[in-house]
Amino acid sequence: MAGLATPDLDADLERDTSSMPPASWQTVVWNDPVNLMSYVTHVFRSYFGFDAATAHRLMLSVHHDGHAVVARGPREVMEAHTQAMHDYGLWATVRKDPA
C-alpha cells in the first residue's frame, strides 16, 4: 500500500500533556420527597465539612432548583462522594463538569 502515510508514534508520545487540565467531574445532589431540609444541611456539614451558611445555601439550591453541585474533582473522588450521599439516603449522581 504505497503512498499511505503512517502515524509517527514517537511524536504522539512526546506531546506535552502537562498543559492540559485534568478532566473534572461533579457530584450532584438532587431533590427528593423524603429527606428534611435540616437533614440535608446536616449531611453537607458533617460529610463535606461545609460551614453552616454554605451547607444551608446548597440545601436551598437542592430544594428550590431541584439539585446542587456539592463537589468538583477527579471522577473517582466524585464517585466516592456520590456513594457517601447514597449511604446517607440522598439522591446523587456524578456528571462531567461542563466547564
N, C-alpha and C. Protein backbone atom coordinates (compact mmCIF):
# COMPACT_ATOMS: atom_id res chain seq x y z
N MET A 1 0.84 -1.17 0.00
CA MET A 1 0.00 0.00 0.00
C MET A 1 0.89 1.24 0.00
N ALA A 2 1.52 1.44 -1.11
CA ALA A 2 2.42 2.59 -1.26
C ALA A 2 1.62 3.88 -1.24
N GLY A 3 2.21 4.91 -0.67
CA GLY A 3 1.59 6.23 -0.68
C GLY A 3 0.78 6.54 0.57
N LEU A 4 0.51 5.56 1.43
CA LEU A 4 -0.23 5.84 2.66
C LEU A 4 0.73 6.30 3.74
N ALA A 5 0.37 7.35 4.41
CA ALA A 5 1.21 7.87 5.49
C ALA A 5 0.95 7.05 6.75
N THR A 6 1.99 6.80 7.47
CA THR A 6 1.83 6.11 8.75
C THR A 6 2.05 7.12 9.87
N PRO A 7 1.31 7.02 10.93
CA PRO A 7 1.47 7.98 12.02
C PRO A 7 2.83 7.83 12.68
N ASP A 8 3.36 8.94 13.12
CA ASP A 8 4.64 8.95 13.83
C ASP A 8 4.32 8.72 15.31
N LEU A 9 4.43 7.48 15.75
CA LEU A 9 4.07 7.12 17.12
C LEU A 9 4.96 7.82 18.14
N ASP A 10 6.23 8.00 17.82
CA ASP A 10 7.12 8.70 18.74
C ASP A 10 6.69 10.15 18.95
N ALA A 11 6.20 10.79 17.91
CA ALA A 11 5.75 12.18 18.04
C ALA A 11 4.55 12.25 18.98
N ASP A 12 3.65 11.28 18.90
CA ASP A 12 2.50 11.26 19.79
C ASP A 12 2.92 11.09 21.24
N LEU A 13 3.94 10.28 21.48
CA LEU A 13 4.40 10.05 22.85
C LEU A 13 5.10 11.26 23.42
N GLU A 14 5.68 12.09 22.56
CA GLU A 14 6.41 13.25 23.03
C GLU A 14 5.52 14.46 23.26
N ARG A 15 4.28 14.38 22.88
CA ARG A 15 3.38 15.52 23.04
C ARG A 15 3.25 15.87 24.51
N ASP A 16 3.30 17.15 24.80
CA ASP A 16 3.24 17.63 26.19
C ASP A 16 1.78 17.66 26.64
N THR A 17 1.43 16.79 27.57
CA THR A 17 0.07 16.76 28.10
C THR A 17 -0.03 17.46 29.44
N SER A 18 1.09 17.96 29.97
CA SER A 18 1.05 18.60 31.29
C SER A 18 0.28 19.91 31.25
N SER A 19 0.15 20.54 30.09
CA SER A 19 -0.58 21.80 30.00
C SER A 19 -2.09 21.58 29.89
N MET A 20 -2.50 20.34 29.66
CA MET A 20 -3.92 20.04 29.56
C MET A 20 -4.48 19.83 30.97
N PRO A 21 -5.58 20.53 31.30
CA PRO A 21 -6.15 20.36 32.63
C PRO A 21 -6.75 18.96 32.77
N PRO A 22 -6.70 18.40 33.99
CA PRO A 22 -7.31 17.09 34.18
C PRO A 22 -8.83 17.19 34.04
N ALA A 23 -9.44 16.11 33.61
CA ALA A 23 -10.90 16.10 33.48
C ALA A 23 -11.53 16.32 34.84
N SER A 24 -12.52 17.17 34.87
CA SER A 24 -13.19 17.47 36.12
C SER A 24 -14.61 16.91 36.09
N TRP A 25 -15.03 16.42 37.21
CA TRP A 25 -16.35 15.82 37.37
C TRP A 25 -17.07 16.49 38.52
N GLN A 26 -18.36 16.28 38.61
CA GLN A 26 -19.18 16.88 39.66
C GLN A 26 -19.96 15.82 40.40
N THR A 27 -20.17 16.07 41.69
CA THR A 27 -21.16 15.32 42.46
C THR A 27 -22.37 16.23 42.58
N VAL A 28 -23.51 15.73 42.12
CA VAL A 28 -24.75 16.50 42.12
C VAL A 28 -25.73 15.82 43.07
N VAL A 29 -26.28 16.59 44.00
CA VAL A 29 -27.33 16.09 44.90
C VAL A 29 -28.66 16.61 44.38
N TRP A 30 -29.63 15.70 44.29
CA TRP A 30 -30.94 16.01 43.72
C TRP A 30 -32.00 16.07 44.81
N ASN A 31 -33.03 16.87 44.55
CA ASN A 31 -34.15 16.98 45.47
C ASN A 31 -34.90 15.65 45.53
N ASP A 32 -35.42 15.35 46.68
CA ASP A 32 -36.24 14.15 46.84
C ASP A 32 -37.40 14.47 47.77
N PRO A 33 -38.44 13.68 47.75
CA PRO A 33 -39.61 13.95 48.59
C PRO A 33 -39.50 13.38 50.01
N VAL A 34 -38.34 12.85 50.37
CA VAL A 34 -38.21 12.12 51.63
C VAL A 34 -37.46 12.89 52.70
N ASN A 35 -36.29 13.41 52.37
CA ASN A 35 -35.39 13.97 53.38
C ASN A 35 -35.75 15.41 53.74
N LEU A 36 -35.68 15.69 55.04
CA LEU A 36 -35.93 17.04 55.53
C LEU A 36 -34.78 17.96 55.15
N MET A 37 -35.10 19.24 54.99
CA MET A 37 -34.07 20.22 54.64
C MET A 37 -32.99 20.27 55.73
N SER A 38 -33.39 20.16 56.98
CA SER A 38 -32.42 20.19 58.08
C SER A 38 -31.47 19.00 58.01
N TYR A 39 -31.98 17.85 57.57
CA TYR A 39 -31.13 16.67 57.44
C TYR A 39 -30.12 16.85 56.31
N VAL A 40 -30.57 17.38 55.18
CA VAL A 40 -29.67 17.61 54.05
C VAL A 40 -28.55 18.57 54.47
N THR A 41 -28.91 19.63 55.18
CA THR A 41 -27.92 20.57 55.69
C THR A 41 -26.94 19.86 56.61
N HIS A 42 -27.45 19.02 57.49
CA HIS A 42 -26.60 18.25 58.41
C HIS A 42 -25.62 17.36 57.64
N VAL A 43 -26.09 16.68 56.61
CA VAL A 43 -25.22 15.81 55.80
C VAL A 43 -24.12 16.64 55.14
N PHE A 44 -24.48 17.76 54.55
CA PHE A 44 -23.48 18.61 53.89
C PHE A 44 -22.43 19.11 54.88
N ARG A 45 -22.87 19.44 56.08
CA ARG A 45 -21.91 19.93 57.09
C ARG A 45 -21.04 18.80 57.60
N SER A 46 -21.63 17.66 57.93
CA SER A 46 -20.86 16.59 58.55
C SER A 46 -19.97 15.85 57.54
N TYR A 47 -20.45 15.62 56.33
CA TYR A 47 -19.64 14.86 55.37
C TYR A 47 -18.62 15.76 54.66
N PHE A 48 -19.08 16.88 54.11
CA PHE A 48 -18.18 17.74 53.33
C PHE A 48 -17.44 18.76 54.20
N GLY A 49 -17.92 18.99 55.42
CA GLY A 49 -17.27 19.97 56.28
C GLY A 49 -17.61 21.40 55.94
N PHE A 50 -18.72 21.62 55.23
CA PHE A 50 -19.13 22.98 54.89
C PHE A 50 -19.53 23.74 56.15
N ASP A 51 -19.30 25.05 56.14
CA ASP A 51 -19.80 25.86 57.24
C ASP A 51 -21.33 25.94 57.11
N ALA A 52 -21.97 26.44 58.15
CA ALA A 52 -23.44 26.45 58.20
C ALA A 52 -24.05 27.21 57.03
N ALA A 53 -23.48 28.36 56.68
CA ALA A 53 -24.03 29.18 55.60
C ALA A 53 -23.93 28.47 54.25
N THR A 54 -22.79 27.85 53.98
CA THR A 54 -22.60 27.15 52.70
C THR A 54 -23.52 25.94 52.61
N ALA A 55 -23.60 25.17 53.67
CA ALA A 55 -24.47 23.99 53.69
C ALA A 55 -25.93 24.40 53.49
N HIS A 56 -26.33 25.49 54.13
CA HIS A 56 -27.71 25.97 54.01
C HIS A 56 -27.98 26.45 52.57
N ARG A 57 -27.04 27.19 51.99
CA ARG A 57 -27.20 27.68 50.61
C ARG A 57 -27.33 26.52 49.63
N LEU A 58 -26.48 25.50 49.78
CA LEU A 58 -26.55 24.34 48.90
C LEU A 58 -27.85 23.57 49.09
N MET A 59 -28.29 23.43 50.33
CA MET A 59 -29.56 22.75 50.59
C MET A 59 -30.71 23.51 49.92
N LEU A 60 -30.69 24.85 50.00
CA LEU A 60 -31.75 25.63 49.35
C LEU A 60 -31.71 25.48 47.84
N SER A 61 -30.52 25.33 47.26
CA SER A 61 -30.42 25.07 45.83
C SER A 61 -31.06 23.73 45.49
N VAL A 62 -30.78 22.73 46.30
CA VAL A 62 -31.40 21.42 46.09
C VAL A 62 -32.92 21.56 46.18
N HIS A 63 -33.39 22.26 47.18
CA HIS A 63 -34.84 22.38 47.43
C HIS A 63 -35.53 23.20 46.34
N HIS A 64 -34.98 24.36 45.99
CA HIS A 64 -35.65 25.26 45.05
C HIS A 64 -35.33 24.98 43.59
N ASP A 65 -34.08 24.62 43.29
CA ASP A 65 -33.66 24.40 41.91
C ASP A 65 -33.73 22.93 41.50
N GLY A 66 -33.91 22.04 42.47
CA GLY A 66 -34.00 20.62 42.18
C GLY A 66 -32.69 19.88 42.29
N HIS A 67 -31.58 20.62 42.38
CA HIS A 67 -30.27 19.97 42.50
C HIS A 67 -29.22 21.01 42.89
N ALA A 68 -28.07 20.52 43.33
CA ALA A 68 -26.92 21.39 43.61
C ALA A 68 -25.64 20.60 43.37
N VAL A 69 -24.65 21.27 42.81
CA VAL A 69 -23.32 20.68 42.68
C VAL A 69 -22.62 20.90 44.01
N VAL A 70 -22.28 19.81 44.68
CA VAL A 70 -21.69 19.90 46.01
C VAL A 70 -20.18 19.66 46.02
N ALA A 71 -19.64 19.14 44.91
CA ALA A 71 -18.20 18.89 44.83
C ALA A 71 -17.78 18.79 43.38
N ARG A 72 -16.51 19.15 43.13
CA ARG A 72 -15.89 19.03 41.81
C ARG A 72 -14.51 18.41 41.98
N GLY A 73 -14.13 17.55 41.03
CA GLY A 73 -12.80 16.96 41.11
C GLY A 73 -12.68 15.74 40.24
N PRO A 74 -11.69 14.90 40.54
CA PRO A 74 -11.47 13.68 39.76
C PRO A 74 -12.68 12.73 39.87
N ARG A 75 -12.90 11.99 38.82
CA ARG A 75 -14.06 11.10 38.76
C ARG A 75 -14.12 10.13 39.94
N GLU A 76 -13.01 9.52 40.29
CA GLU A 76 -13.01 8.53 41.37
C GLU A 76 -13.45 9.16 42.70
N VAL A 77 -13.01 10.38 42.95
CA VAL A 77 -13.39 11.07 44.19
C VAL A 77 -14.87 11.41 44.16
N MET A 78 -15.36 11.87 43.00
CA MET A 78 -16.78 12.22 42.88
C MET A 78 -17.66 10.99 43.02
N GLU A 79 -17.19 9.85 42.53
CA GLU A 79 -17.94 8.61 42.71
C GLU A 79 -18.01 8.22 44.18
N ALA A 80 -16.92 8.43 44.91
CA ALA A 80 -16.92 8.14 46.35
C ALA A 80 -17.88 9.07 47.08
N HIS A 81 -17.89 10.36 46.72
CA HIS A 81 -18.83 11.30 47.33
C HIS A 81 -20.28 10.89 47.04
N THR A 82 -20.52 10.49 45.79
CA THR A 82 -21.88 10.07 45.41
C THR A 82 -22.32 8.85 46.21
N GLN A 83 -21.43 7.90 46.37
CA GLN A 83 -21.76 6.72 47.17
C GLN A 83 -22.05 7.11 48.61
N ALA A 84 -21.26 8.04 49.15
CA ALA A 84 -21.50 8.51 50.52
C ALA A 84 -22.87 9.16 50.63
N MET A 85 -23.26 9.96 49.63
CA MET A 85 -24.59 10.58 49.67
C MET A 85 -25.67 9.52 49.64
N HIS A 86 -25.47 8.47 48.85
CA HIS A 86 -26.42 7.35 48.83
C HIS A 86 -26.49 6.70 50.21
N ASP A 87 -25.33 6.53 50.84
CA ASP A 87 -25.30 5.92 52.17
C ASP A 87 -26.08 6.75 53.19
N TYR A 88 -26.10 8.07 52.99
CA TYR A 88 -26.88 8.96 53.86
C TYR A 88 -28.36 9.01 53.45
N GLY A 89 -28.70 8.35 52.35
CA GLY A 89 -30.09 8.33 51.90
C GLY A 89 -30.46 9.46 50.95
N LEU A 90 -29.46 10.17 50.43
CA LEU A 90 -29.73 11.26 49.48
C LEU A 90 -29.58 10.76 48.05
N TRP A 91 -30.28 11.40 47.15
CA TRP A 91 -30.15 11.09 45.73
C TRP A 91 -28.99 11.89 45.17
N ALA A 92 -28.03 11.24 44.54
CA ALA A 92 -26.86 11.94 44.00
C ALA A 92 -26.36 11.20 42.77
N THR A 93 -25.73 11.96 41.88
CA THR A 93 -25.15 11.41 40.66
C THR A 93 -23.80 12.07 40.41
N VAL A 94 -23.04 11.45 39.50
CA VAL A 94 -21.77 12.00 39.04
C VAL A 94 -21.98 12.43 37.60
N ARG A 95 -21.45 13.60 37.26
CA ARG A 95 -21.50 14.03 35.85
C ARG A 95 -20.24 14.81 35.52
N LYS A 96 -19.93 14.84 34.24
CA LYS A 96 -18.75 15.57 33.76
C LYS A 96 -19.03 17.06 33.93
N ASP A 97 -18.04 17.77 34.44
CA ASP A 97 -18.15 19.21 34.62
C ASP A 97 -18.19 19.88 33.25
N PRO A 98 -19.23 20.62 32.95
CA PRO A 98 -19.33 21.21 31.61
C PRO A 98 -18.34 22.35 31.37
N ALA A 99 -17.73 22.86 32.42
CA ALA A 99 -16.80 24.00 32.26
C ALA A 99 -15.48 23.60 31.68
